[in-house]
């Protein structure tokens, strides 16, 4: 048996990469909203848009239905939980969010989604 068997590791690995990429993009949106001192709703909207916007656009351009976040509802719950957790943890404190933190989260998400997104194209 080979060290990397695509049948055994391909699907779970792709799901894990998509999961981490979604979290990274959601975090970059949440941090951007916090930097602009938005309210709870604005921060959550930015988190959801950053997490699901690019993949939704990809699915529209490739005419894939259902959208990836409809097929994997767990991603919606994950981003909702991340938004709630970040707001609860950082509610009382007005920390300054650096550009570096947003860029790192954005770059991580972009790199991971490039790796999985080319499979669909």
N, C-alpha and C. Protein backbone atom coordinates (compact mmCIF):
# COMPACT_ATOMS: atom_id res chain seq x y z
N UNK A 1 0.83 -1.18 0.00
CA UNK A 1 0.00 0.00 0.00
C UNK A 1 0.88 1.25 0.00
N UNK A 2 0.49 2.22 -0.81
CA UNK A 2 1.26 3.45 -0.91
C UNK A 2 1.09 4.30 0.34
N UNK A 3 2.05 5.20 0.54
CA UNK A 3 1.97 6.08 1.71
C UNK A 3 0.78 7.04 1.59
N UNK A 4 0.46 7.44 0.36
CA UNK A 4 -0.67 8.35 0.16
C UNK A 4 -1.65 7.69 -0.79
N UNK A 5 -2.71 7.16 -0.24
CA UNK A 5 -3.75 6.51 -1.03
C UNK A 5 -4.89 7.50 -1.20
N UNK A 6 -5.15 7.95 -2.43
CA UNK A 6 -6.14 8.99 -2.68
C UNK A 6 -7.53 8.56 -2.26
N UNK A 7 -7.84 7.29 -2.39
CA UNK A 7 -9.16 6.81 -1.99
C UNK A 7 -9.35 6.92 -0.49
N UNK A 8 -8.29 6.70 0.25
CA UNK A 8 -8.39 6.69 1.70
C UNK A 8 -8.28 8.09 2.31
N UNK A 9 -7.38 8.90 1.80
CA UNK A 9 -7.09 10.19 2.42
C UNK A 9 -7.62 11.39 1.64
N UNK A 10 -7.98 11.23 0.39
CA UNK A 10 -8.36 12.37 -0.45
C UNK A 10 -9.54 13.16 0.06
N UNK A 11 -10.66 12.51 0.29
CA UNK A 11 -11.87 13.22 0.71
C UNK A 11 -11.74 13.81 2.11
N UNK A 12 -11.29 13.06 3.11
CA UNK A 12 -11.15 13.69 4.44
C UNK A 12 -10.13 14.82 4.46
N UNK A 13 -9.06 14.68 3.70
CA UNK A 13 -8.05 15.73 3.65
C UNK A 13 -8.61 16.99 3.01
N UNK A 14 -9.35 16.83 1.91
CA UNK A 14 -9.96 17.98 1.25
C UNK A 14 -10.96 18.67 2.17
N UNK A 15 -11.75 17.88 2.89
CA UNK A 15 -12.72 18.46 3.82
C UNK A 15 -12.02 19.23 4.93
N UNK A 16 -10.94 18.68 5.46
CA UNK A 16 -10.19 19.36 6.52
C UNK A 16 -9.59 20.67 6.02
N UNK A 17 -9.06 20.66 4.81
CA UNK A 17 -8.47 21.88 4.24
C UNK A 17 -9.55 22.93 4.01
N UNK A 18 -10.72 22.51 3.50
CA UNK A 18 -11.82 23.45 3.30
C UNK A 18 -12.32 24.01 4.63
N UNK A 19 -12.34 23.17 5.64
CA UNK A 19 -12.78 23.60 6.97
C UNK A 19 -11.84 24.65 7.55
N UNK A 20 -10.55 24.39 7.48
CA UNK A 20 -9.56 25.34 8.00
C UNK A 20 -9.56 26.63 7.18
N UNK A 21 -9.71 26.51 5.86
CA UNK A 21 -9.78 27.70 5.01
C UNK A 21 -11.00 28.56 5.31
N UNK A 22 -12.13 27.91 5.55
CA UNK A 22 -13.35 28.65 5.89
C UNK A 22 -13.19 29.39 7.21
N UNK A 23 -12.59 28.72 8.18
CA UNK A 23 -12.35 29.37 9.48
C UNK A 23 -11.39 30.55 9.32
N UNK A 24 -10.35 30.38 8.51
CA UNK A 24 -9.38 31.46 8.32
C UNK A 24 -10.03 32.68 7.67
N UNK A 25 -10.85 32.45 6.64
CA UNK A 25 -11.52 33.58 5.99
C UNK A 25 -12.55 34.23 6.91
N UNK A 26 -13.28 33.42 7.67
CA UNK A 26 -14.24 33.99 8.61
C UNK A 26 -13.52 34.85 9.64
N UNK A 27 -12.40 34.36 10.11
CA UNK A 27 -11.62 35.12 11.08
C UNK A 27 -11.11 36.44 10.50
N UNK A 28 -10.70 36.42 9.24
CA UNK A 28 -10.23 37.66 8.62
C UNK A 28 -11.38 38.66 8.50
N UNK A 29 -12.58 38.20 8.17
CA UNK A 29 -13.73 39.10 8.11
C UNK A 29 -14.11 39.63 9.47
N UNK A 30 -14.08 38.77 10.48
CA UNK A 30 -14.40 39.19 11.84
C UNK A 30 -13.39 40.23 12.33
N UNK A 31 -12.12 39.98 12.08
CA UNK A 31 -11.09 40.93 12.51
C UNK A 31 -11.21 42.27 11.78
N UNK A 32 -11.56 42.22 10.49
CA UNK A 32 -11.74 43.46 9.74
C UNK A 32 -12.92 44.26 10.29
N UNK A 33 -14.00 43.56 10.63
CA UNK A 33 -15.15 44.24 11.22
C UNK A 33 -14.83 44.83 12.58
N UNK A 34 -14.05 44.11 13.37
CA UNK A 34 -13.67 44.63 14.68
C UNK A 34 -12.75 45.84 14.54
N UNK A 35 -11.92 45.81 13.53
CA UNK A 35 -11.01 46.94 13.32
C UNK A 35 -11.78 48.20 12.97
N UNK A 36 -12.87 48.03 12.22
CA UNK A 36 -13.70 49.18 11.85
C UNK A 36 -14.72 49.53 12.94
N UNK A 37 -14.64 48.83 14.06
CA UNK A 37 -15.52 49.05 15.21
C UNK A 37 -16.99 48.91 14.86
N UNK A 38 -17.29 47.85 14.10
CA UNK A 38 -18.68 47.56 13.73
C UNK A 38 -19.41 46.93 14.91
N UNK A 39 -20.73 46.89 14.79
CA UNK A 39 -21.52 46.25 15.82
C UNK A 39 -21.55 44.74 15.57
N UNK A 40 -22.30 44.02 16.41
CA UNK A 40 -22.34 42.56 16.34
C UNK A 40 -22.83 42.09 14.98
N UNK A 41 -23.87 42.72 14.46
CA UNK A 41 -24.42 42.32 13.18
C UNK A 41 -23.42 42.53 12.04
N UNK A 42 -22.78 43.68 12.01
CA UNK A 42 -21.81 43.97 10.96
C UNK A 42 -20.63 43.02 10.98
N UNK A 43 -20.14 42.72 12.16
CA UNK A 43 -19.02 41.78 12.28
C UNK A 43 -19.42 40.40 11.79
N UNK A 44 -20.62 39.96 12.14
CA UNK A 44 -21.09 38.64 11.71
C UNK A 44 -21.29 38.59 10.20
N UNK A 45 -21.84 39.66 9.62
CA UNK A 45 -22.03 39.70 8.17
C UNK A 45 -20.68 39.63 7.46
N UNK A 46 -19.70 40.40 7.94
CA UNK A 46 -18.37 40.34 7.32
C UNK A 46 -17.74 38.96 7.47
N UNK A 47 -17.93 38.33 8.62
CA UNK A 47 -17.41 36.98 8.82
C UNK A 47 -18.01 35.99 7.83
N UNK A 48 -19.33 36.06 7.65
CA UNK A 48 -20.00 35.15 6.72
C UNK A 48 -19.63 35.45 5.27
N UNK A 49 -19.57 36.73 4.90
CA UNK A 49 -19.21 37.08 3.53
C UNK A 49 -17.79 36.65 3.19
N UNK A 50 -16.88 36.87 4.11
CA UNK A 50 -15.49 36.47 3.85
C UNK A 50 -15.37 34.96 3.77
N UNK A 51 -16.11 34.25 4.61
CA UNK A 51 -16.01 32.79 4.64
C UNK A 51 -16.65 32.13 3.42
N UNK A 52 -17.77 32.66 2.96
CA UNK A 52 -18.54 31.97 1.93
C UNK A 52 -18.61 32.69 0.59
N UNK A 53 -18.14 33.93 0.52
CA UNK A 53 -18.27 34.70 -0.72
C UNK A 53 -17.51 34.13 -1.89
N UNK A 54 -16.24 33.81 -1.69
CA UNK A 54 -15.42 33.31 -2.80
C UNK A 54 -15.87 31.96 -3.31
N UNK A 55 -16.19 31.05 -2.39
CA UNK A 55 -16.66 29.72 -2.80
C UNK A 55 -18.01 29.77 -3.49
N UNK A 56 -18.86 30.69 -3.05
CA UNK A 56 -20.16 30.85 -3.70
C UNK A 56 -19.98 31.39 -5.11
N UNK A 57 -19.10 32.36 -5.28
CA UNK A 57 -18.82 32.88 -6.61
C UNK A 57 -18.24 31.79 -7.51
N UNK A 58 -17.34 30.98 -6.97
CA UNK A 58 -16.79 29.85 -7.73
C UNK A 58 -17.89 28.90 -8.17
N UNK A 59 -18.80 28.57 -7.26
CA UNK A 59 -19.89 27.65 -7.58
C UNK A 59 -20.84 28.25 -8.62
N UNK A 60 -21.07 29.55 -8.57
CA UNK A 60 -21.93 30.20 -9.57
C UNK A 60 -21.26 30.16 -10.94
N UNK A 61 -19.98 30.51 -10.99
CA UNK A 61 -19.27 30.53 -12.27
C UNK A 61 -19.13 29.14 -12.89
N UNK A 62 -19.00 28.12 -12.04
CA UNK A 62 -18.87 26.75 -12.54
C UNK A 62 -20.22 26.04 -12.63
N UNK A 63 -21.30 26.75 -12.31
CA UNK A 63 -22.66 26.22 -12.35
C UNK A 63 -22.79 24.94 -11.52
N UNK A 64 -22.28 25.01 -10.30
CA UNK A 64 -22.37 23.88 -9.37
C UNK A 64 -23.50 24.14 -8.39
N UNK A 65 -24.39 23.19 -8.27
CA UNK A 65 -25.47 23.28 -7.30
C UNK A 65 -25.55 21.98 -6.55
N UNK A 66 -25.86 21.97 -5.30
CA UNK A 66 -26.06 23.11 -4.41
C UNK A 66 -24.71 23.75 -4.07
N UNK A 67 -24.79 24.98 -3.57
CA UNK A 67 -23.57 25.66 -3.18
C UNK A 67 -22.88 24.87 -2.08
N UNK A 68 -21.57 25.07 -1.96
CA UNK A 68 -20.80 24.26 -1.02
C UNK A 68 -21.27 24.42 0.41
N UNK A 69 -21.73 25.59 0.78
CA UNK A 69 -22.17 25.81 2.17
C UNK A 69 -23.57 25.29 2.41
N UNK A 70 -24.32 25.00 1.35
CA UNK A 70 -25.62 24.35 1.49
C UNK A 70 -25.42 22.85 1.61
N UNK A 71 -24.46 22.32 0.86
CA UNK A 71 -24.18 20.88 0.92
C UNK A 71 -23.54 20.50 2.25
N UNK A 72 -22.75 21.37 2.82
CA UNK A 72 -22.09 21.13 4.10
C UNK A 72 -22.58 22.14 5.12
N UNK A 73 -23.72 21.87 5.71
CA UNK A 73 -24.33 22.81 6.66
C UNK A 73 -23.45 22.99 7.89
N UNK A 74 -22.60 22.03 8.17
CA UNK A 74 -21.71 22.15 9.32
C UNK A 74 -20.80 23.37 9.20
N UNK A 75 -20.48 23.79 7.98
CA UNK A 75 -19.67 24.99 7.80
C UNK A 75 -20.41 26.24 8.27
N UNK A 76 -21.72 26.30 8.00
CA UNK A 76 -22.52 27.43 8.48
C UNK A 76 -22.50 27.51 10.00
N UNK A 77 -22.70 26.36 10.63
CA UNK A 77 -22.71 26.33 12.10
C UNK A 77 -21.35 26.68 12.66
N UNK A 78 -20.31 26.24 11.99
CA UNK A 78 -18.96 26.54 12.45
C UNK A 78 -18.69 28.04 12.41
N UNK A 79 -19.04 28.69 11.31
CA UNK A 79 -18.81 30.13 11.20
C UNK A 79 -19.70 30.90 12.18
N UNK A 80 -20.93 30.46 12.35
CA UNK A 80 -21.81 31.10 13.32
C UNK A 80 -21.23 30.98 14.73
N UNK A 81 -20.72 29.80 15.07
CA UNK A 81 -20.09 29.61 16.37
C UNK A 81 -18.84 30.44 16.53
N UNK A 82 -18.05 30.56 15.46
CA UNK A 82 -16.84 31.38 15.51
C UNK A 82 -17.18 32.85 15.71
N UNK A 83 -18.21 33.33 15.02
CA UNK A 83 -18.64 34.72 15.21
C UNK A 83 -19.09 34.95 16.65
N UNK A 84 -19.90 34.04 17.16
CA UNK A 84 -20.40 34.19 18.54
C UNK A 84 -19.26 34.12 19.54
N UNK A 85 -18.35 33.17 19.35
CA UNK A 85 -17.23 33.03 20.29
C UNK A 85 -16.32 34.25 20.27
N UNK A 86 -16.04 34.76 19.09
CA UNK A 86 -15.15 35.93 19.03
C UNK A 86 -15.81 37.15 19.64
N UNK A 87 -17.11 37.27 19.47
CA UNK A 87 -17.80 38.43 20.05
C UNK A 87 -17.89 38.32 21.56
N UNK A 88 -18.09 37.11 22.06
CA UNK A 88 -18.16 36.92 23.51
C UNK A 88 -16.79 37.12 24.14
N UNK A 89 -15.77 36.57 23.52
CA UNK A 89 -14.42 36.66 24.09
C UNK A 89 -13.86 38.07 24.03
N UNK A 90 -14.22 38.81 23.02
CA UNK A 90 -13.64 40.13 22.84
C UNK A 90 -14.65 41.25 23.08
N UNK A 91 -15.77 40.93 23.69
CA UNK A 91 -16.84 41.90 23.86
C UNK A 91 -16.43 43.08 24.74
N UNK A 92 -15.92 42.79 25.91
CA UNK A 92 -15.62 43.84 26.87
C UNK A 92 -14.39 44.65 26.52
N UNK A 93 -13.51 44.08 25.77
CA UNK A 93 -12.24 44.74 25.48
C UNK A 93 -12.25 45.29 24.06
N UNK A 94 -11.71 46.46 23.93
CA UNK A 94 -11.56 47.04 22.60
C UNK A 94 -10.10 46.91 22.19
N UNK A 95 -9.76 45.73 21.76
CA UNK A 95 -8.38 45.50 21.34
C UNK A 95 -8.16 46.08 19.94
N UNK A 96 -6.98 46.50 19.73
CA UNK A 96 -6.65 46.99 18.40
C UNK A 96 -6.26 45.80 17.53
N UNK A 97 -6.86 45.74 16.38
CA UNK A 97 -6.59 44.66 15.44
C UNK A 97 -5.58 45.16 14.43
N UNK A 98 -4.48 44.46 14.31
CA UNK A 98 -3.43 44.90 13.40
C UNK A 98 -3.71 44.42 11.98
N UNK A 99 -3.11 45.12 11.03
CA UNK A 99 -3.20 44.69 9.64
C UNK A 99 -2.58 43.31 9.46
N UNK A 100 -1.54 43.04 10.21
CA UNK A 100 -0.83 41.77 10.09
C UNK A 100 -1.75 40.59 10.43
N UNK A 101 -2.56 40.72 11.46
CA UNK A 101 -3.47 39.63 11.85
C UNK A 101 -4.48 39.36 10.74
N UNK A 102 -5.01 40.40 10.14
CA UNK A 102 -5.97 40.23 9.05
C UNK A 102 -5.29 39.61 7.84
N UNK A 103 -4.09 40.07 7.52
CA UNK A 103 -3.36 39.56 6.36
C UNK A 103 -2.98 38.10 6.53
N UNK A 104 -2.58 37.70 7.73
CA UNK A 104 -2.21 36.30 7.97
C UNK A 104 -3.42 35.40 7.80
N UNK A 105 -4.55 35.78 8.39
CA UNK A 105 -5.77 34.97 8.26
C UNK A 105 -6.22 34.91 6.80
N UNK A 106 -6.15 36.03 6.10
CA UNK A 106 -6.56 36.07 4.70
C UNK A 106 -5.63 35.23 3.82
N UNK A 107 -4.34 35.33 4.05
CA UNK A 107 -3.38 34.55 3.25
C UNK A 107 -3.53 33.06 3.51
N UNK A 108 -3.76 32.68 4.75
CA UNK A 108 -3.97 31.27 5.07
C UNK A 108 -5.20 30.74 4.36
N UNK A 109 -6.30 31.47 4.42
CA UNK A 109 -7.52 31.04 3.74
C UNK A 109 -7.34 30.96 2.24
N UNK A 110 -6.68 31.96 1.66
CA UNK A 110 -6.47 31.97 0.22
C UNK A 110 -5.61 30.80 -0.23
N UNK A 111 -4.54 30.54 0.48
CA UNK A 111 -3.68 29.42 0.12
C UNK A 111 -4.39 28.08 0.20
N UNK A 112 -5.17 27.90 1.24
CA UNK A 112 -5.88 26.63 1.39
C UNK A 112 -6.98 26.46 0.35
N UNK A 113 -7.69 27.54 0.03
CA UNK A 113 -8.76 27.42 -0.96
C UNK A 113 -8.23 27.30 -2.38
N UNK A 114 -7.06 27.82 -2.65
CA UNK A 114 -6.46 27.60 -3.97
C UNK A 114 -6.18 26.12 -4.15
N UNK A 115 -5.70 25.49 -3.09
CA UNK A 115 -5.37 24.07 -3.17
C UNK A 115 -6.61 23.21 -3.43
N UNK A 116 -7.74 23.57 -2.86
CA UNK A 116 -8.95 22.75 -3.07
C UNK A 116 -9.79 23.26 -4.23
N UNK A 117 -9.77 24.56 -4.49
CA UNK A 117 -10.62 25.12 -5.53
C UNK A 117 -10.25 24.68 -6.93
N UNK A 118 -8.99 24.43 -7.19
CA UNK A 118 -8.59 24.01 -8.54
C UNK A 118 -9.10 22.62 -8.87
N UNK A 119 -9.43 21.84 -7.87
CA UNK A 119 -10.00 20.52 -8.13
C UNK A 119 -11.34 20.62 -8.84
N UNK A 120 -12.11 21.64 -8.50
CA UNK A 120 -13.44 21.78 -9.08
C UNK A 120 -13.40 22.36 -10.48
N UNK A 121 -12.39 23.16 -10.76
CA UNK A 121 -12.29 23.77 -12.08
C UNK A 121 -11.78 22.74 -13.06
